[in-house]
Each structure stands twice: as structure tokens, then as C-alpha cells.
Amino acid sequence: MKNKLTMILAVLTVAGLMTVGSVASAAWDSPKSGKGQQAGEKKDFFKDFNLTPEQKSKIDAQNEARQANNKVTSEALKVKMQALQEAISKPGAKRADVDALVKEIDAINAQRFSQKIDGAFALREVLTPEQYAKLQEQRKGTTGMKGMGGMKGMGGMKGMKNKKW
């Protein structure tokens, strides 16, 4: 019973971390998606970069390709995670029964990470060294909790001071 509970807890933890990672990655990677902003409001992440029309079109093409790849890998991950949940839920399920699915999920996550790195290098090729340095500075300001919505779901930092936590 303890092993089954540990297995379920581990799978739910992994699923939760993957969800948080996917959401954070999507918010980090999509400068024109408008996620995390008011409805109908789009933030132009590169507005202060003085991009040429050619740079804008290349970045737009990269974003469209990235979004298409993310959609494919997200759907594949969703299907595999659902299969994993079903396999674990079966009576008498053992770790060996789900090892293949876990390896497939790991491979999808590795592919997603690799695509993220490829995208970073592709963007670097489009930007001038000065623009890239500015991008690095701008990203430094969005790391940590601010990059994940400032912990709004926990009442912001006030929620962390709450004695109930």
C-alpha cells in the first residue's frame, strides 16, 4: 500500500511540475502571445529593440514554427501522461508496467528542452550583439517569482507571510 501511494504521489508530482514547467516555458518563450496579460492586450516584447522589418519577419517565422512544434509535443505529452495515469490506476500495476511510458515522456521532455535551446540560438542569429545583450538584461528582470506571475495564486508575497502557511 505504501509503495502504491508513493508511486501515485510521485506521478502526480511529476505531472504537476511538467504543467508548471510548460506554462512557465510558454510565458517565457512567447513574446507576442499576450499570455499573462489583460484580454485583448498584447505586449510587444521587442518594441524597444529597433528591429528591422527583416528581423521582425524572421522572429515572427521562428515564433510560428516554435508554436507549431510546441503544440505537437504538448499534445504528445498529454496523450502519454494520460496513458501513464491509466496504467498506474490499474489494479496490480507495477513500476515495470509503466517504465516504457515514463521513458517516452522523458524523451518528449528532452525534445522540448532541445527545441527551446535551438530557438534561443536561432533568435541569437537574428539579433545584433547589442540587441541580444539587451534581451539578456530584459530577461534578468523577469526571472524568479516575477516570471511566474508573482505568486498571485498564493496572495502574492502577503500570502507567504500568512500564519496558515
Protein backbone atom coordinates (compact mmCIF):
# COMPACT_ATOMS: atom_id res chain seq x y z
CA MET A 1 0.00 0.00 0.00
CA LYS A 2 2.82 2.37 0.88
CA ASN A 3 4.56 1.70 -2.47
CA LYS A 4 1.35 2.37 -4.38
CA LEU A 5 0.80 5.63 -2.52
CA THR A 6 4.41 6.65 -3.13
CA MET A 7 4.06 5.83 -6.84
CA ILE A 8 0.84 7.85 -7.17
CA LEU A 9 2.36 10.78 -5.30
CA ALA A 10 5.47 10.68 -7.50
CA VAL A 11 3.43 10.64 -10.72
CA LEU A 12 1.21 13.49 -9.56
CA THR A 13 4.28 15.49 -8.55
CA VAL A 14 5.92 14.92 -11.93
CA ALA A 15 2.70 15.81 -13.74
CA GLY A 16 2.36 18.99 -11.68
CA LEU A 17 5.95 20.02 -12.29
CA MET A 18 5.60 19.37 -16.00
CA THR A 19 2.47 21.50 -16.12
CA VAL A 20 4.15 24.35 -14.25
CA GLY A 21 7.23 23.99 -16.46
CA SER A 22 5.14 24.06 -19.62
CA VAL A 23 3.22 27.15 -18.52
CA ALA A 24 6.38 28.96 -17.43
CA SER A 25 8.14 27.98 -20.64
CA ALA A 26 5.24 29.17 -22.77
CA ALA A 27 5.15 32.52 -20.95
CA TRP A 28 8.94 32.88 -21.22
CA ASP A 29 9.20 31.86 -24.86
CA SER A 30 6.28 33.66 -26.44
CA PRO A 31 6.94 37.38 -26.56
CA LYS A 32 3.85 38.11 -28.65
CA SER A 33 1.40 35.59 -27.19
CA GLY A 34 -0.17 38.01 -24.73
CA LYS A 35 -0.31 35.32 -22.03
CA GLY A 36 -0.43 36.69 -18.55
CA GLN A 37 -1.85 40.00 -19.70
CA GLN A 38 -5.28 41.51 -19.87
CA ALA A 39 -7.56 40.11 -22.52
CA GLY A 40 -7.05 41.79 -25.84
CA GLU A 41 -3.80 43.42 -24.74
CA LYS A 42 -0.63 42.30 -26.49
CA LYS A 43 2.81 43.21 -25.26
CA ASP A 44 5.41 43.76 -27.95
CA PHE A 45 8.41 42.20 -26.23
CA PHE A 46 10.82 43.58 -28.83
CA LYS A 47 9.37 47.09 -29.14
CA ASP A 48 12.48 48.76 -27.68
CA PHE A 49 14.90 46.76 -29.81
CA ASN A 50 14.56 48.81 -33.03
CA LEU A 51 14.18 45.68 -35.14
CA THR A 52 14.42 45.92 -38.90
CA PRO A 53 11.46 44.62 -40.94
CA GLU A 54 13.62 41.64 -41.92
CA GLN A 55 14.38 40.84 -38.26
CA LYS A 56 10.69 41.14 -37.38
CA SER A 57 9.67 38.73 -40.12
CA LYS A 58 12.37 36.22 -39.13
CA ILE A 59 11.35 36.37 -35.46
CA ASP A 60 7.67 36.02 -36.40
CA ALA A 61 8.50 32.96 -38.52
CA GLN A 62 10.54 31.47 -35.66
CA ASN A 63 7.67 32.08 -33.24
CA GLU A 64 5.16 30.42 -35.57
CA ALA A 65 7.43 27.39 -36.02
CA ARG A 66 8.04 27.19 -32.27
CA GLN A 67 4.34 27.38 -31.50
CA ALA A 68 3.60 24.63 -34.03
CA ASN A 69 6.33 22.42 -32.52
CA ASN A 70 5.09 23.16 -29.00
CA LYS A 71 1.58 22.21 -30.00
CA VAL A 72 2.74 18.86 -31.38
CA THR A 73 4.94 18.00 -28.41
CA SER A 74 2.34 19.22 -25.89
CA GLU A 75 -0.30 17.00 -27.45
CA ALA A 76 2.07 14.02 -27.49
CA LEU A 77 2.96 14.67 -23.85
CA LYS A 78 -0.71 14.95 -22.91
CA VAL A 79 -1.51 11.61 -24.56
CA LYS A 80 1.43 9.86 -22.86
CA MET A 81 0.64 11.36 -19.45
CA GLN A 82 -2.96 10.25 -19.78
CA ALA A 83 -1.80 6.74 -20.70
CA LEU A 84 0.54 6.78 -17.71
CA GLN A 85 -2.27 7.79 -15.36
CA GLU A 86 -4.46 4.99 -16.73
CA ALA A 87 -1.66 2.44 -16.43
CA ILE A 88 -0.92 3.41 -12.82
CA SER A 89 -4.62 3.33 -11.93
CA LYS A 90 -4.96 -0.31 -12.99
CA PRO A 91 -5.22 -2.73 -10.07
CA GLY A 92 -1.95 -4.54 -9.53
CA ALA A 93 0.06 -2.08 -11.64
CA LYS A 94 3.80 -2.31 -11.10
CA ARG A 95 6.63 0.08 -11.87
CA ALA A 96 7.85 -2.19 -14.66
CA ASP A 97 4.44 -1.83 -16.33
CA VAL A 98 4.93 1.91 -16.80
CA ASP A 99 8.68 2.12 -17.42
CA ALA A 100 8.26 2.34 -21.20
CA LEU A 101 5.74 5.20 -20.87
CA VAL A 102 8.00 7.04 -18.43
CA LYS A 103 10.88 6.77 -20.91
CA GLU A 104 8.66 8.11 -23.71
CA ILE A 105 7.60 11.04 -21.52
CA ASP A 106 11.24 11.74 -20.67
CA ALA A 107 12.10 11.68 -24.38
CA ILE A 108 9.33 14.17 -25.19
CA ASN A 109 10.50 16.49 -22.41
CA ALA A 110 14.09 16.22 -23.64
CA GLN A 111 12.90 17.08 -27.15
CA ARG A 112 11.03 20.12 -25.84
CA PHE A 113 14.08 21.33 -23.95
CA SER A 114 16.27 20.81 -27.01
CA GLN A 115 13.81 22.81 -29.13
CA LYS A 116 13.91 25.62 -26.58
CA ILE A 117 17.71 25.76 -26.79
CA ASP A 118 17.56 25.64 -30.61
CA GLY A 119 15.12 28.54 -30.54
CA ALA A 120 17.41 30.58 -28.31
CA PHE A 121 20.31 30.13 -30.72
CA ALA A 122 18.08 30.86 -33.73
CA LEU A 123 16.95 34.12 -32.10
CA ARG A 124 20.54 34.99 -31.31
CA GLU A 125 21.38 34.69 -35.02
CA VAL A 126 18.67 37.22 -35.91
CA LEU A 127 19.55 39.84 -33.31
CA THR A 128 22.61 42.07 -33.37
CA PRO A 129 25.06 41.63 -30.47
CA GLU A 130 23.69 44.82 -28.90
CA GLN A 131 20.08 43.65 -29.24
CA TYR A 132 20.98 40.27 -27.78
CA ALA A 133 22.70 41.92 -24.80
CA LYS A 134 19.55 43.99 -24.25
CA LEU A 135 17.46 40.82 -24.42
CA GLN A 136 19.64 39.20 -21.75
CA GLU A 137 19.23 42.25 -19.50
CA GLN A 138 15.48 42.28 -20.05
CA ARG A 139 15.20 38.59 -19.18
CA LYS A 140 17.22 39.04 -15.99
CA GLY A 141 14.42 41.27 -14.75
CA THR A 142 11.81 38.56 -15.28
CA THR A 143 13.50 35.64 -13.53
CA GLY A 144 12.32 34.13 -10.30
CA MET A 145 8.82 34.50 -8.97
CA LYS A 146 8.04 37.59 -11.07
CA GLY A 147 8.33 35.43 -14.18
CA MET A 148 5.65 33.12 -12.82
CA GLY A 149 3.03 35.71 -12.08
CA GLY A 150 4.46 36.88 -8.77
CA MET A 151 2.79 34.07 -6.83
CA LYS A 152 -0.61 35.66 -7.36
CA GLY A 153 -2.30 32.32 -6.67
CA MET A 154 -0.96 32.43 -3.11
CA GLY A 155 -1.97 36.00 -2.48
CA GLY A 156 1.36 37.34 -3.65
CA MET A 157 4.08 37.76 -1.06
CA LYS A 158 1.43 38.68 1.50
CA GLY A 159 0.17 35.10 1.24
CA MET A 160 3.61 33.80 2.18
CA LYS A 161 3.52 35.80 5.43
CA ASN A 162 0.19 34.30 6.36
CA LYS A 163 0.49 32.26 9.56
CA LYS A 164 -1.58 29.48 7.98
CA TRP A 165 1.24 28.65 5.56
